[in-house]
């Protein structure tokens, strides 16, 4: 039995379903962006990639909370 994701990760299944990209791909986009501030990244995901605010916020929060250089599958 697997635990239900908590916090930002709880959005990941719906993000993958709605936008058709795996979480690892979204995280790589965030990490490769020249932007570094949370809200700048959220705004960028919303304007350039069409994400909703909650989904963009969850992706940015989860990605920025990871240790630098960590490559994650998003799960």
N, C-alpha and C. Protein backbone atom coordinates (compact mmCIF):
# COMPACT_ATOMS: atom_id res chain seq x y z
N UNK A 1 0.85 -1.18 0.00
CA UNK A 1 0.00 0.00 0.00
C UNK A 1 0.89 1.24 0.00
N UNK A 2 0.61 2.20 -0.89
CA UNK A 2 1.41 3.41 -0.97
C UNK A 2 0.69 4.54 -0.24
N UNK A 3 1.47 5.43 0.35
CA UNK A 3 0.90 6.57 1.07
C UNK A 3 0.40 7.60 0.07
N UNK A 4 -0.67 8.27 0.44
CA UNK A 4 -1.21 9.35 -0.38
C UNK A 4 -0.27 10.54 -0.27
N UNK A 5 0.12 11.14 -1.41
CA UNK A 5 1.03 12.30 -1.36
C UNK A 5 0.40 13.45 -0.58
N UNK A 6 1.23 14.18 0.11
CA UNK A 6 0.80 15.35 0.88
C UNK A 6 1.42 16.60 0.28
N UNK A 7 0.87 17.74 0.63
CA UNK A 7 1.42 19.02 0.20
C UNK A 7 1.40 19.18 -1.31
N UNK A 8 2.41 19.89 -1.85
CA UNK A 8 2.44 20.15 -3.29
C UNK A 8 2.37 18.89 -4.15
N UNK A 9 2.98 17.80 -3.68
CA UNK A 9 2.99 16.56 -4.46
C UNK A 9 1.60 15.99 -4.68
N UNK A 10 0.64 16.39 -3.86
CA UNK A 10 -0.73 15.88 -4.03
C UNK A 10 -1.34 16.37 -5.34
N UNK A 11 -0.80 17.44 -5.91
CA UNK A 11 -1.28 17.97 -7.19
C UNK A 11 -0.71 17.23 -8.40
N UNK A 12 0.37 16.48 -8.21
CA UNK A 12 1.10 15.91 -9.35
C UNK A 12 0.26 15.04 -10.29
N UNK A 13 -0.58 14.14 -9.80
CA UNK A 13 -1.37 13.34 -10.75
C UNK A 13 -2.27 14.19 -11.64
N UNK A 14 -2.90 15.21 -11.07
CA UNK A 14 -3.78 16.04 -11.90
C UNK A 14 -2.99 16.93 -12.85
N UNK A 15 -1.79 17.34 -12.46
CA UNK A 15 -0.94 18.14 -13.35
C UNK A 15 -0.55 17.31 -14.56
N UNK A 16 -0.11 16.08 -14.32
CA UNK A 16 0.28 15.22 -15.44
C UNK A 16 -0.90 14.93 -16.36
N UNK A 17 -2.06 14.69 -15.79
CA UNK A 17 -3.25 14.39 -16.59
C UNK A 17 -3.70 15.61 -17.40
N UNK A 18 -3.74 16.77 -16.76
CA UNK A 18 -4.26 17.97 -17.43
C UNK A 18 -3.32 18.52 -18.50
N UNK A 19 -2.01 18.51 -18.22
CA UNK A 19 -1.06 19.17 -19.12
C UNK A 19 -0.24 18.21 -19.97
N UNK A 20 -0.35 16.90 -19.72
CA UNK A 20 0.25 15.89 -20.58
C UNK A 20 1.76 15.76 -20.53
N UNK A 21 2.37 16.27 -19.48
CA UNK A 21 3.82 16.15 -19.31
C UNK A 21 4.10 15.52 -17.95
N UNK A 22 5.14 14.71 -17.87
CA UNK A 22 5.50 14.15 -16.56
C UNK A 22 6.05 15.24 -15.64
N UNK A 23 5.93 15.02 -14.34
CA UNK A 23 6.41 15.99 -13.35
C UNK A 23 7.90 16.24 -13.51
N UNK A 24 8.67 15.21 -13.81
CA UNK A 24 10.11 15.38 -13.99
C UNK A 24 10.42 16.41 -15.08
N UNK A 25 9.61 16.43 -16.12
CA UNK A 25 9.83 17.38 -17.21
C UNK A 25 9.52 18.81 -16.75
N UNK A 26 8.44 18.97 -15.99
CA UNK A 26 8.11 20.30 -15.46
C UNK A 26 9.22 20.80 -14.54
N UNK A 27 9.71 19.89 -13.68
CA UNK A 27 10.77 20.28 -12.75
C UNK A 27 12.04 20.67 -13.49
N UNK A 28 12.36 19.97 -14.56
CA UNK A 28 13.55 20.30 -15.34
C UNK A 28 13.38 21.69 -15.98
N UNK A 29 12.20 22.00 -16.47
CA UNK A 29 11.93 23.33 -17.02
C UNK A 29 12.17 24.40 -15.96
N UNK A 30 11.68 24.15 -14.76
CA UNK A 30 11.84 25.12 -13.66
C UNK A 30 13.32 25.28 -13.33
N UNK A 31 14.03 24.17 -13.19
CA UNK A 31 15.45 24.24 -12.84
C UNK A 31 16.28 24.91 -13.94
N UNK A 32 15.89 24.76 -15.19
CA UNK A 32 16.66 25.34 -16.29
C UNK A 32 16.30 26.80 -16.58
N UNK A 33 15.27 27.30 -15.94
CA UNK A 33 14.86 28.69 -16.15
C UNK A 33 15.87 29.64 -15.52
N UNK A 34 16.11 30.79 -16.15
CA UNK A 34 17.00 31.77 -15.54
C UNK A 34 16.36 32.45 -14.33
N UNK A 35 15.06 32.28 -14.17
CA UNK A 35 14.36 32.86 -13.03
C UNK A 35 14.66 32.06 -11.77
N UNK A 36 14.67 32.73 -10.63
CA UNK A 36 14.99 32.03 -9.38
C UNK A 36 13.98 32.27 -8.27
N UNK A 37 13.19 33.31 -8.37
CA UNK A 37 12.24 33.63 -7.30
C UNK A 37 10.94 32.86 -7.51
N UNK A 38 10.36 32.45 -6.40
CA UNK A 38 9.17 31.62 -6.43
C UNK A 38 8.07 32.21 -7.32
N UNK A 39 7.65 33.43 -7.03
CA UNK A 39 6.53 34.01 -7.77
C UNK A 39 6.89 34.33 -9.23
N UNK A 40 8.14 34.61 -9.51
CA UNK A 40 8.55 34.80 -10.91
C UNK A 40 8.35 33.50 -11.69
N UNK A 41 8.75 32.40 -11.07
CA UNK A 41 8.60 31.09 -11.72
C UNK A 41 7.13 30.72 -11.88
N UNK A 42 6.33 30.99 -10.87
CA UNK A 42 4.89 30.71 -10.95
C UNK A 42 4.27 31.50 -12.10
N UNK A 43 4.56 32.78 -12.16
CA UNK A 43 4.02 33.64 -13.23
C UNK A 43 4.48 33.14 -14.59
N UNK A 44 5.74 32.74 -14.70
CA UNK A 44 6.28 32.22 -15.96
C UNK A 44 5.55 30.96 -16.40
N UNK A 45 5.34 30.03 -15.48
CA UNK A 45 4.62 28.80 -15.83
C UNK A 45 3.20 29.11 -16.28
N UNK A 46 2.57 30.07 -15.64
CA UNK A 46 1.20 30.44 -15.99
C UNK A 46 1.14 31.10 -17.37
N UNK A 47 2.04 32.05 -17.62
CA UNK A 47 1.96 32.80 -18.87
C UNK A 47 2.54 32.06 -20.06
N UNK A 48 3.66 31.39 -19.86
CA UNK A 48 4.34 30.72 -20.97
C UNK A 48 3.85 29.29 -21.23
N UNK A 49 3.33 28.64 -20.21
CA UNK A 49 2.96 27.24 -20.35
C UNK A 49 1.49 26.95 -20.05
N UNK A 50 0.73 27.98 -19.68
CA UNK A 50 -0.71 27.84 -19.50
C UNK A 50 -1.16 27.09 -18.25
N UNK A 51 -0.29 26.96 -17.25
CA UNK A 51 -0.69 26.28 -16.03
C UNK A 51 -1.58 27.18 -15.19
N UNK A 52 -2.45 26.56 -14.41
CA UNK A 52 -3.23 27.30 -13.43
C UNK A 52 -2.34 27.68 -12.26
N UNK A 53 -2.79 28.63 -11.46
CA UNK A 53 -1.98 29.14 -10.36
C UNK A 53 -1.62 28.04 -9.35
N UNK A 54 -2.58 27.25 -8.93
CA UNK A 54 -2.32 26.21 -7.94
C UNK A 54 -1.33 25.17 -8.43
N UNK A 55 -1.47 24.76 -9.69
CA UNK A 55 -0.55 23.77 -10.25
C UNK A 55 0.86 24.35 -10.37
N UNK A 56 0.96 25.57 -10.88
CA UNK A 56 2.27 26.22 -11.02
C UNK A 56 2.92 26.39 -9.65
N UNK A 57 2.14 26.84 -8.67
CA UNK A 57 2.66 27.05 -7.33
C UNK A 57 3.16 25.74 -6.72
N UNK A 58 2.41 24.67 -6.89
CA UNK A 58 2.82 23.37 -6.34
C UNK A 58 4.12 22.89 -6.97
N UNK A 59 4.24 23.01 -8.27
CA UNK A 59 5.47 22.58 -8.96
C UNK A 59 6.68 23.39 -8.50
N UNK A 60 6.52 24.70 -8.42
CA UNK A 60 7.64 25.55 -8.01
C UNK A 60 8.01 25.28 -6.56
N UNK A 61 7.03 25.20 -5.67
CA UNK A 61 7.32 24.95 -4.26
C UNK A 61 8.06 23.64 -4.07
N UNK A 62 7.60 22.59 -4.72
CA UNK A 62 8.22 21.28 -4.58
C UNK A 62 9.63 21.27 -5.17
N UNK A 63 9.81 21.90 -6.32
CA UNK A 63 11.12 21.93 -6.97
C UNK A 63 12.12 22.75 -6.18
N UNK A 64 11.72 23.91 -5.70
CA UNK A 64 12.65 24.76 -4.95
C UNK A 64 13.00 24.18 -3.59
N UNK A 65 12.16 23.31 -3.06
CA UNK A 65 12.43 22.69 -1.76
C UNK A 65 13.45 21.56 -1.86
N UNK A 66 13.72 21.08 -3.07
CA UNK A 66 14.68 19.99 -3.27
C UNK A 66 16.11 20.51 -3.13
N UNK A 67 17.01 19.64 -2.65
CA UNK A 67 18.42 20.04 -2.61
C UNK A 67 18.92 20.37 -4.02
N UNK A 68 19.81 21.31 -4.14
CA UNK A 68 20.35 21.71 -5.44
C UNK A 68 20.99 20.53 -6.15
N UNK A 69 20.73 20.43 -7.45
CA UNK A 69 21.33 19.37 -8.25
C UNK A 69 20.59 18.05 -8.19
N UNK A 70 19.52 17.98 -7.42
CA UNK A 70 18.78 16.72 -7.31
C UNK A 70 17.95 16.52 -8.55
N UNK A 71 18.10 15.38 -9.16
CA UNK A 71 17.27 15.01 -10.29
C UNK A 71 16.18 14.11 -9.77
N UNK A 72 14.94 14.50 -9.96
CA UNK A 72 13.83 13.75 -9.38
C UNK A 72 12.88 13.25 -10.45
N UNK A 73 12.26 12.14 -10.17
CA UNK A 73 11.23 11.63 -11.06
C UNK A 73 9.91 12.30 -10.79
N UNK A 74 9.84 13.07 -9.70
CA UNK A 74 8.60 13.74 -9.36
C UNK A 74 7.68 12.91 -8.53
N UNK A 75 8.12 11.75 -8.12
CA UNK A 75 7.26 10.87 -7.29
C UNK A 75 7.99 10.52 -6.03
